[in-house]
Amino acid sequence: MFLAVAAVLAILWLLGLLAFHVTAFAIHLLLIAAVIAVIAHFVGGRRSGRTRV
């Protein structure tokens, strides 16, 4: 789920960078949020909620 959020944020960042005139601050906030989402995915990915028998 975090990986999907990161992908969407990265795409929005690229669209904002290339297609729209968005302020640099907002573009970089999207990039930082995408990086945090990827890190959270890999750190929290081991906790899947399933129990091994």
PDB file of N, CA and C in Angstrom:
ATOM      1  N   MET A   1       0.816  -1.188   0.000  1.00  0.00           N
ATOM      2  CA  MET A   1       0.000   0.000   0.000  1.00  0.00           C
ATOM      3  C   MET A   1       0.867   1.263   0.000  1.00  0.00           C
ATOM      4  N   PHE A   2       1.916   1.251   0.822  1.00  0.00           N
ATOM      5  CA  PHE A   2       2.804   2.407   0.863  1.00  0.00           C
ATOM      6  C   PHE A   2       3.521   2.586  -0.465  1.00  0.00           C
ATOM      7  N   LEU A   3       3.809   1.466  -1.122  1.00  0.00           N
ATOM      8  CA  LEU A   3       4.492   1.544  -2.407  1.00  0.00           C
ATOM      9  C   LEU A   3       3.582   2.190  -3.461  1.00  0.00           C
ATOM     10  N   ALA A   4       2.300   1.885  -3.408  1.00  0.00           N
ATOM     11  CA  ALA A   4       1.350   2.504  -4.335  1.00  0.00           C
ATOM     12  C   ALA A   4       1.231   4.001  -4.061  1.00  0.00           C
ATOM     13  N   VAL A   5       1.201   4.372  -2.795  1.00  0.00           N
ATOM     14  CA  VAL A   5       1.145   5.798  -2.440  1.00  0.00           C
ATOM     15  C   VAL A   5       2.400   6.506  -2.933  1.00  0.00           C
ATOM     16  N   ALA A   6       3.544   5.858  -2.772  1.00  0.00           N
ATOM     17  CA  ALA A   6       4.795   6.451  -3.230  1.00  0.00           C
ATOM     18  C   ALA A   6       4.798   6.625  -4.738  1.00  0.00           C
ATOM     19  N   ALA A   7       4.274   5.639  -5.453  1.00  0.00           N
ATOM     20  CA  ALA A   7       4.225   5.733  -6.914  1.00  0.00           C
ATOM     21  C   ALA A   7       3.312   6.882  -7.353  1.00  0.00           C
ATOM     22  N   VAL A   8       2.159   6.998  -6.718  1.00  0.00           N
ATOM     23  CA  VAL A   8       1.234   8.080  -7.060  1.00  0.00           C
ATOM     24  C   VAL A   8       1.859   9.441  -6.757  1.00  0.00           C
ATOM     25  N   LEU A   9       2.507   9.557  -5.624  1.00  0.00           N
ATOM     26  CA  LEU A   9       3.145  10.828  -5.268  1.00  0.00           C
ATOM     27  C   LEU A   9       4.283  11.162  -6.218  1.00  0.00           C
ATOM     28  N   ALA A  10       5.046  10.158  -6.635  1.00  0.00           N
ATOM     29  CA  ALA A  10       6.134  10.401  -7.578  1.00  0.00           C
ATOM     30  C   ALA A  10       5.588  10.846  -8.934  1.00  0.00           C
ATOM     31  N   ILE A  11       4.489  10.239  -9.380  1.00  0.00           N
ATOM     32  CA  ILE A  11       3.870  10.639 -10.641  1.00  0.00           C
ATOM     33  C   ILE A  11       3.337  12.065 -10.548  1.00  0.00           C
ATOM     34  N   LEU A  12       2.696  12.390  -9.421  1.00  0.00           N
ATOM     35  CA  LEU A  12       2.202  13.757  -9.231  1.00  0.00           C
ATOM     36  C   LEU A  12       3.346  14.760  -9.215  1.00  0.00           C
ATOM     37  N   TRP A  13       4.466  14.343  -8.627  1.00  0.00           N
ATOM     38  CA  TRP A  13       5.636  15.212  -8.592  1.00  0.00           C
ATOM     39  C   TRP A  13       6.142  15.480 -10.008  1.00  0.00           C
ATOM     40  N   LEU A  14       6.233  14.414 -10.809  1.00  0.00           N
ATOM     41  CA  LEU A  14       6.698  14.584 -12.180  1.00  0.00           C
ATOM     42  C   LEU A  14       5.736  15.446 -12.996  1.00  0.00           C
ATOM     43  N   LEU A  15       4.427  15.222 -12.814  1.00  0.00           N
ATOM     44  CA  LEU A  15       3.448  16.047 -13.522  1.00  0.00           C
ATOM     45  C   LEU A  15       3.548  17.508 -13.105  1.00  0.00           C
ATOM     46  N   GLY A  16       3.712  17.726 -11.821  1.00  0.00           N
ATOM     47  CA  GLY A  16       3.854  19.092 -11.332  1.00  0.00           C
ATOM     48  C   GLY A  16       5.118  19.752 -11.840  1.00  0.00           C
ATOM     49  N   LEU A  17       6.163  18.960 -11.985  1.00  0.00           N
ATOM     50  CA  LEU A  17       7.429  19.497 -12.463  1.00  0.00           C
ATOM     51  C   LEU A  17       7.372  19.806 -13.954  1.00  0.00           C
ATOM     52  N   LEU A  18       6.742  18.943 -14.729  1.00  0.00           N
ATOM     53  CA  LEU A  18       6.769  19.078 -16.179  1.00  0.00           C
ATOM     54  C   LEU A  18       5.573  19.825 -16.760  1.00  0.00           C
ATOM     55  N   ALA A  19       4.383  19.589 -16.242  1.00  0.00           N
ATOM     56  CA  ALA A  19       3.184  20.094 -16.898  1.00  0.00           C
ATOM     57  C   ALA A  19       2.641  21.382 -16.281  1.00  0.00           C
ATOM     58  N   PHE A  20       2.713  21.500 -14.987  1.00  0.00           N
ATOM     59  CA  PHE A  20       2.090  22.628 -14.313  1.00  0.00           C
ATOM     60  C   PHE A  20       3.147  23.519 -13.687  1.00  0.00           C
ATOM     61  N   HIS A  21       2.777  24.760 -13.488  1.00  0.00           N
ATOM     62  CA  HIS A  21       3.684  25.689 -12.820  1.00  0.00           C
ATOM     63  C   HIS A  21       3.338  25.726 -11.335  1.00  0.00           C
ATOM     64  N   VAL A  22       3.807  24.713 -10.633  1.00  0.00           N
ATOM     65  CA  VAL A  22       3.582  24.608  -9.195  1.00  0.00           C
ATOM     66  C   VAL A  22       4.832  25.143  -8.505  1.00  0.00           C
ATOM     67  N   THR A  23       4.641  25.725  -7.362  1.00  0.00           N
ATOM     68  CA  THR A  23       5.804  26.272  -6.661  1.00  0.00           C
ATOM     69  C   THR A  23       6.782  25.165  -6.312  1.00  0.00           C
ATOM     70  N   ALA A  24       8.026  25.503  -6.256  1.00  0.00           N
ATOM     71  CA  ALA A  24       9.082  24.525  -5.977  1.00  0.00           C
ATOM     72  C   ALA A  24       8.893  23.888  -4.604  1.00  0.00           C
ATOM     73  N   PHE A  25       8.371  24.639  -3.663  1.00  0.00           N
ATOM     74  CA  PHE A  25       8.160  24.115  -2.311  1.00  0.00           C
ATOM     75  C   PHE A  25       7.179  22.945  -2.335  1.00  0.00           C
ATOM     76  N   ALA A  26       6.064  23.081  -3.040  1.00  0.00           N
ATOM     77  CA  ALA A  26       5.049  22.028  -3.097  1.00  0.00           C
ATOM     78  C   ALA A  26       5.581  20.808  -3.835  1.00  0.00           C
ATOM     79  N   ILE A  27       6.343  21.010  -4.884  1.00  0.00           N
ATOM     80  CA  ILE A  27       6.908  19.893  -5.636  1.00  0.00           C
ATOM     81  C   ILE A  27       7.856  19.090  -4.752  1.00  0.00           C
ATOM     82  N   HIS A  28       8.687  19.769  -4.008  1.00  0.00           N
ATOM     83  CA  HIS A  28       9.632  19.066  -3.158  1.00  0.00           C
ATOM     84  C   HIS A  28       8.941  18.385  -1.978  1.00  0.00           C
ATOM     85  N   LEU A  29       7.843  18.945  -1.498  1.00  0.00           N
ATOM     86  CA  LEU A  29       7.078  18.254  -0.455  1.00  0.00           C
ATOM     87  C   LEU A  29       6.519  16.929  -0.970  1.00  0.00           C
ATOM     88  N   LEU A  30       6.040  16.904  -2.209  1.00  0.00           N
ATOM     89  CA  LEU A  30       5.558  15.661  -2.806  1.00  0.00           C
ATOM     90  C   LEU A  30       6.683  14.643  -2.938  1.00  0.00           C
ATOM     91  N   LEU A  31       7.845  15.090  -3.345  1.00  0.00           N
ATOM     92  CA  LEU A  31       8.986  14.186  -3.487  1.00  0.00           C
ATOM     93  C   LEU A  31       9.395  13.613  -2.138  1.00  0.00           C
ATOM     94  N   ILE A  32       9.448  14.449  -1.127  1.00  0.00           N
ATOM     95  CA  ILE A  32       9.813  13.986   0.216  1.00  0.00           C
ATOM     96  C   ILE A  32       8.770  12.999   0.738  1.00  0.00           C
ATOM     97  N   ALA A  33       7.486  13.269   0.512  1.00  0.00           N
ATOM     98  CA  ALA A  33       6.437  12.347   0.943  1.00  0.00           C
ATOM     99  C   ALA A  33       6.557  11.005   0.232  1.00  0.00           C
ATOM    100  N   ALA A  34       6.923  11.009  -1.049  1.00  0.00           N
ATOM    101  CA  ALA A  34       7.091   9.760  -1.793  1.00  0.00           C
ATOM    102  C   ALA A  34       8.261   8.956  -1.239  1.00  0.00           C
ATOM    103  N   VAL A  35       9.360   9.609  -0.921  1.00  0.00           N
ATOM    104  CA  VAL A  35      10.519   8.912  -0.362  1.00  0.00           C
ATOM    105  C   VAL A  35      10.183   8.335   1.007  1.00  0.00           C
ATOM    106  N   ILE A  36       9.475   9.077   1.830  1.00  0.00           N
ATOM    107  CA  ILE A  36       9.073   8.575   3.149  1.00  0.00           C
ATOM    108  C   ILE A  36       8.145   7.385   3.006  1.00  0.00           C
ATOM    109  N   ALA A  37       7.240   7.414   2.028  1.00  0.00           N
ATOM    110  CA  ALA A  37       6.327   6.292   1.809  1.00  0.00           C
ATOM    111  C   ALA A  37       7.083   5.037   1.382  1.00  0.00           C
ATOM    112  N   VAL A  38       8.102   5.185   0.545  1.00  0.00           N
ATOM    113  CA  VAL A  38       8.906   4.029   0.131  1.00  0.00           C
ATOM    114  C   VAL A  38       9.664   3.460   1.324  1.00  0.00           C
ATOM    115  N   ILE A  39      10.246   4.322   2.127  1.00  0.00           N
ATOM    116  CA  ILE A  39      10.980   3.849   3.316  1.00  0.00           C
ATOM    117  C   ILE A  39      10.030   3.143   4.276  1.00  0.00           C
ATOM    118  N   ALA A  40       8.849   3.707   4.498  1.00  0.00           N
ATOM    119  CA  ALA A  40       7.868   3.087   5.383  1.00  0.00           C
ATOM    120  C   ALA A  40       7.412   1.733   4.838  1.00  0.00           C
ATOM    121  N   HIS A  41       7.333   1.609   3.516  1.00  0.00           N
ATOM    122  CA  HIS A  41       6.935   0.336   2.910  1.00  0.00           C
ATOM    123  C   HIS A  41       7.962  -0.747   3.214  1.00  0.00           C
ATOM    124  N   PHE A  42       9.233  -0.427   3.052  1.00  0.00           N
ATOM    125  CA  PHE A  42      10.268  -1.431   3.272  1.00  0.00           C
ATOM    126  C   PHE A  42      10.496  -1.717   4.750  1.00  0.00           C
ATOM    127  N   VAL A  43      10.324  -0.729   5.601  1.00  0.00           N
ATOM    128  CA  VAL A  43      10.493  -0.948   7.038  1.00  0.00           C
ATOM    129  C   VAL A  43       9.300  -1.708   7.605  1.00  0.00           C
ATOM    130  N   GLY A  44       8.107  -1.308   7.237  1.00  0.00           N
ATOM    131  CA  GLY A  44       6.909  -1.946   7.761  1.00  0.00           C
ATOM    132  C   GLY A  44       6.438  -3.130   6.943  1.00  0.00           C
ATOM    133  N   GLY A  45       7.100  -3.437   5.849  1.00  0.00           N
ATOM    134  CA  GLY A  45       6.686  -4.528   4.982  1.00  0.00           C
ATOM    135  C   GLY A  45       6.806  -5.895   5.616  1.00  0.00           C
ATOM    136  N   ARG A  46       7.658  -6.023   6.595  1.00  0.00           N
ATOM    137  CA  ARG A  46       7.839  -7.321   7.242  1.00  0.00           C
ATOM    138  C   ARG A  46       6.684  -7.654   8.185  1.00  0.00           C
ATOM    139  N   ARG A  47       5.961  -6.648   8.629  1.00  0.00           N
ATOM    140  CA  ARG A  47       4.808  -6.865   9.510  1.00  0.00           C
ATOM    141  C   ARG A  47       3.559  -7.004   8.658  1.00  0.00           C
ATOM    142  N   SER A  48       3.235  -8.228   8.263  1.00  0.00           N
ATOM    143  CA  SER A  48       2.087  -8.417   7.375  1.00  0.00           C
ATOM    144  C   SER A  48       0.816  -8.783   8.121  1.00  0.00           C
ATOM    145  N   GLY A  49       0.894  -9.074   9.405  1.00  0.00           N
ATOM    146  CA  GLY A  49      -0.284  -9.435  10.170  1.00  0.00           C
ATOM    147  C   GLY A  49      -0.596 -10.923  10.145  1.00  0.00           C
ATOM    148  N   ARG A  50       0.131 -11.658   9.353  1.00  0.00           N
ATOM    149  CA  ARG A  50      -0.079 -13.105   9.280  1.00  0.00           C
ATOM    150  C   ARG A  50       0.794 -13.787  10.333  1.00  0.00           C
ATOM    151  N   THR A  51       0.250 -14.849  10.900  1.00  0.00           N
ATOM    152  CA  THR A  51       1.020 -15.602  11.886  1.00  0.00           C
ATOM    153  C   THR A  51       1.494 -16.899  11.236  1.00  0.00           C
ATOM    154  N   ARG A  52       2.727 -17.231  11.477  1.00  0.00           N
ATOM    155  CA  ARG A  52       3.269 -18.485  10.950  1.00  0.00           C
ATOM    156  C   ARG A  52       3.027 -19.596  11.958  1.00  0.00           C
ATOM    157  N   VAL A  53       2.712 -20.750  11.438  1.00  0.00           N
ATOM    158  CA  VAL A  53       2.439 -21.897  12.319  1.00  0.00           C
ATOM    159  C   VAL A  53       3.625 -22.807  12.337  1.00  0.00           C
TER     160      VAL A  53
END
